[in-house]
Protein backbone atom coordinates (compact mmCIF):
# COMPACT_ATOMS: atom_id res chain seq x y z
CA UNK A 1 -9.27 -12.90 6.84
CA UNK A 2 -12.32 -9.98 7.39
CA UNK A 3 -12.54 -7.89 9.80
CA UNK A 4 -16.53 -7.79 11.91
CA UNK A 5 -17.46 -4.51 12.92
CA UNK A 6 -20.44 -4.35 15.09
CA UNK A 7 -22.21 -1.23 12.83
CA UNK A 8 -21.39 -2.03 9.29
CA UNK A 9 -20.82 -5.96 9.38
CA UNK A 10 -17.98 -7.59 7.94
CA UNK A 11 -15.15 -6.09 5.53
CA UNK A 12 -12.45 -7.55 4.02
CA UNK A 13 -9.26 -6.75 5.32
CA UNK A 14 -7.19 -7.03 2.00
CA UNK A 15 -9.81 -4.48 0.58
CA UNK A 16 -8.83 -2.33 3.14
CA UNK A 17 -5.32 -2.26 2.83
CA UNK A 18 -5.32 -1.87 -1.00
CA UNK A 19 -7.62 1.19 -0.03
CA UNK A 20 -5.27 2.57 1.81
CA UNK A 21 -2.26 1.99 -0.49
CA UNK A 22 -4.52 3.79 -3.14
CA UNK A 23 -5.17 6.65 -0.93
CA UNK A 24 -2.32 7.36 0.42
CA UNK A 25 -0.76 7.77 -3.25
CA UNK A 26 -3.08 10.22 -3.98
CA UNK A 27 -2.50 12.26 -1.01
CA UNK A 28 0.46 14.21 0.37
CA UNK A 29 3.12 11.76 -1.21
CA UNK A 30 1.89 12.50 -4.57
CA UNK A 31 3.12 16.29 -4.34
CA UNK A 32 -0.24 17.43 -4.80
CA UNK A 33 -1.53 20.82 -2.92
CA UNK A 34 -3.95 19.77 0.25
CA UNK A 35 -7.50 19.69 -0.45
CA UNK A 36 -7.94 21.98 2.55
CA UNK A 37 -5.86 24.25 4.95
CA UNK A 38 -7.16 25.13 8.07
CA UNK A 39 -5.37 26.83 11.21
CA UNK A 40 -1.91 25.46 9.41
CA UNK A 41 -3.28 21.63 9.28
CA UNK A 42 -2.93 20.28 5.58
CA UNK A 43 -5.88 17.77 5.09
CA UNK A 44 -6.13 15.25 2.03
CA UNK A 45 -9.03 13.37 1.12
CA UNK A 46 -9.63 10.15 -1.09
CA UNK A 47 -13.07 8.49 -1.55
CA UNK A 48 -13.57 5.32 -3.37
CA UNK A 49 -17.00 3.60 -2.78
CA UNK A 50 -17.82 3.03 0.61
CA UNK A 51 -14.53 3.84 1.58
CA UNK A 52 -12.75 7.52 2.73
CA UNK A 53 -9.54 8.07 3.78
CA UNK A 54 -8.13 11.76 5.36
CA UNK A 55 -5.00 12.59 6.33
CA UNK A 56 -4.92 15.52 8.46
CA UNK A 57 -0.95 17.01 9.04
CA UNK A 58 0.46 19.90 10.67
CA UNK A 59 4.15 21.12 10.80
CA UNK A 60 7.57 20.83 8.54
CA UNK A 61 10.92 20.33 10.40
CA UNK A 62 8.76 19.02 12.96
CA UNK A 63 5.37 17.06 11.68
CA UNK A 64 2.60 15.09 13.31
CA UNK A 65 0.01 13.72 11.00
CA UNK A 66 -3.71 11.29 11.79
CA UNK A 67 -4.54 9.02 8.89
CA UNK A 68 -8.34 7.54 9.47
CA UNK A 69 -10.15 5.10 7.21
CA UNK A 70 -13.78 5.16 7.18
CA UNK A 71 -16.54 2.17 5.75
CA UNK A 72 -20.13 3.26 5.18
CA UNK A 73 -19.55 6.22 7.50
CA UNK A 74 -17.77 4.45 10.24
CA UNK A 75 -14.31 4.69 11.27
CA UNK A 76 -12.55 1.26 10.97
CA UNK A 77 -8.64 2.27 10.79
CA UNK A 78 -6.23 5.00 11.60
CA UNK A 79 -2.72 5.66 12.26
CA UNK A 80 -0.73 8.13 14.13
CA UNK A 81 2.79 9.72 12.85
CA UNK A 82 5.29 12.31 14.42
CA UNK A 83 8.47 13.27 12.93
CA UNK A 84 11.16 15.54 12.78
CA UNK A 85 14.33 16.96 10.60
CA UNK A 86 17.23 15.71 12.17
CA UNK A 87 20.60 17.07 10.57
CA UNK A 88 21.52 18.57 7.27
CA UNK A 89 24.63 17.26 5.60
CA UNK A 90 27.90 19.99 6.57
CA UNK A 91 28.46 19.58 2.49
CA UNK A 92 25.06 20.92 2.09
CA UNK A 93 25.96 23.55 4.40
CA UNK A 94 28.79 24.29 2.69
CA UNK A 95 27.56 24.79 -0.88
CA UNK A 96 25.70 27.65 -2.10
CA UNK A 97 22.51 25.42 -1.39
CA UNK A 98 20.48 26.72 1.46
CA UNK A 99 19.06 24.51 3.84
CA UNK A 100 15.33 25.11 2.53
CA UNK A 101 16.61 23.88 -0.54
CA UNK A 102 18.05 20.58 1.00
CA UNK A 103 14.82 20.47 2.74
CA UNK A 104 12.59 20.39 -0.31
CA UNK A 105 15.11 17.74 -2.05
CA UNK A 106 14.36 15.56 1.08
CA UNK A 107 10.97 16.18 1.50
CA UNK A 108 10.52 15.11 -2.45
CA UNK A 109 12.69 11.80 -1.69
CA UNK A 110 10.30 10.91 1.21
CA UNK A 111 7.43 11.40 -1.08
CA UNK A 112 8.85 9.09 -3.48
CA UNK A 113 9.56 6.82 -1.13
CA UNK A 114 5.68 6.66 0.22
CA UNK A 115 4.47 6.32 -3.09
CA UNK A 116 6.11 2.72 -3.09
CA UNK A 117 4.19 1.75 -0.26
CA UNK A 118 3.61 -2.06 -0.29
CA UNK A 119 0.03 -3.31 -0.08
CA UNK A 120 0.23 -5.36 2.46
CA UNK A 121 2.10 -3.04 4.99
CA UNK A 122 0.78 0.39 3.49
CA UNK A 123 1.66 2.33 6.47
CA UNK A 124 4.48 4.89 5.21
CA UNK A 125 7.20 3.46 2.19
CA UNK A 126 8.62 0.33 1.34
CA UNK A 127 10.32 -2.11 3.92
CA UNK A 128 13.55 -2.87 1.78
CA UNK A 129 15.82 -0.12 1.61
CA UNK A 130 14.96 2.18 -1.19
CA UNK A 131 17.40 4.23 -3.30
CA UNK A 132 17.32 7.44 -5.00
CA UNK A 133 20.48 9.31 -6.36
CA UNK A 134 21.09 12.62 -5.40
CA UNK A 135 23.97 14.16 -7.66
CA UNK A 136 26.29 11.41 -8.54
CA UNK A 137 29.20 13.92 -7.50
CA UNK A 138 27.58 14.56 -3.98
CA UNK A 139 25.63 11.92 -2.17
CA UNK A 140 22.23 9.80 -2.27
CA UNK A 141 19.22 9.63 -0.35
CA UNK A 142 18.28 6.51 1.76
CA UNK A 143 14.83 5.64 3.10
CA UNK A 144 14.73 2.90 5.87
CA UNK A 145 11.42 1.52 7.01
CA UNK A 146 11.26 -0.77 10.76
CA UNK A 147 7.67 -2.22 10.89
CA UNK A 148 7.48 -4.10 14.32
CA UNK A 149 4.30 -5.59 16.25
CA UNK A 150 3.02 -7.24 13.00
CA UNK A 151 2.69 -10.75 11.50
CA UNK A 152 1.97 -11.21 7.86
CA UNK A 153 -1.97 -12.00 7.96
CA UNK A 154 -2.85 -9.35 10.91
CA UNK A 155 -0.54 -6.45 9.66
CA UNK A 156 -3.54 -4.21 9.85
CA UNK A 157 -4.63 -4.94 13.17
CA UNK A 158 -1.83 -3.29 15.37
CA UNK A 159 1.38 -2.09 14.25
CA UNK A 160 3.99 0.10 14.76
CA UNK A 161 7.30 1.42 13.14
CA UNK A 162 9.70 3.68 12.50
CA UNK A 163 11.29 5.19 9.11
CA UNK A 164 14.35 7.10 8.47
CA UNK A 165 15.45 9.40 5.23
CA UNK A 166 19.37 8.89 5.20
CA UNK A 167 21.46 10.70 3.66
CA UNK A 168 25.01 9.57 2.21
CA UNK A 169 27.63 12.00 1.36
CA UNK A 170 30.96 10.88 -0.54
CA UNK A 171 33.79 12.69 0.99
CA UNK A 172 35.41 13.10 -2.74
CA UNK A 173 33.43 14.71 -5.29
CA UNK A 174 34.93 12.31 -7.57
CA UNK A 175 34.69 8.87 -6.54
CA UNK A 176 31.50 6.60 -5.01
CA UNK A 177 34.08 4.14 -3.55
CA UNK A 178 36.38 6.68 -1.32
CA UNK A 179 34.81 7.24 2.48
CA UNK A 180 31.52 8.15 2.95
CA UNK A 181 29.61 10.10 5.75
CA UNK A 182 26.06 9.49 6.71
CA UNK A 183 23.28 11.64 8.12
CA UNK A 184 19.90 11.11 9.82
CA UNK A 185 17.83 13.76 7.69
CA UNK A 186 14.01 12.94 8.99
CA UNK A 187 13.09 10.20 11.60
CA UNK A 188 9.23 9.30 11.68
CA UNK A 189 7.74 6.98 14.33
CA UNK A 190 3.86 5.79 13.85
CA UNK A 191 1.62 3.41 14.88
CA UNK A 192 -2.16 2.24 14.56
CA UNK A 193 -4.46 -0.38 13.86
CA UNK A 194 -8.08 -1.44 13.70
CA UNK A 195 -10.73 0.61 15.18
CA UNK A 196 -14.05 -1.06 16.29
CA UNK A 197 -16.95 0.40 18.90
């Protein structure tokens, strides 16, 4: 299936998704520093032949960004996202760890989830649950991503979704099978699709 763009002709949508996946893995998710920072906006760029990707991101505990893909100088795809840190586990506040330290660890976990974005739905992270152990005696992060409004063959055209980063704590510092408490650490909503003039 291809996209017919009035200015640049037909573009293979599979090539667009493959490019987006590669670009995201070379952007914020990689943990690298932004290419530029202007008025507190972090800007990441990636190019491959006729494709160019940009991600403009601002914020921290509450953040917003826009990703754009252009082909031969014409913008053909875009996505907006808005997210926020919702809660920090009580256990993290009780320990010697600071709120900023927990925030950094949860951000690194979110980056690792985004590095695993699937090729056909390369909007945020994996669709299935993505686990990562944090500290075995303390708890673990989980990543959840629900994409809506898409079909397998037309996902790139029009999509929206919600992602959550959750932290599951152990009530006991000794065993995994005892009661646990779940915290919603981050929530991000996103939407986008193909842009045709």
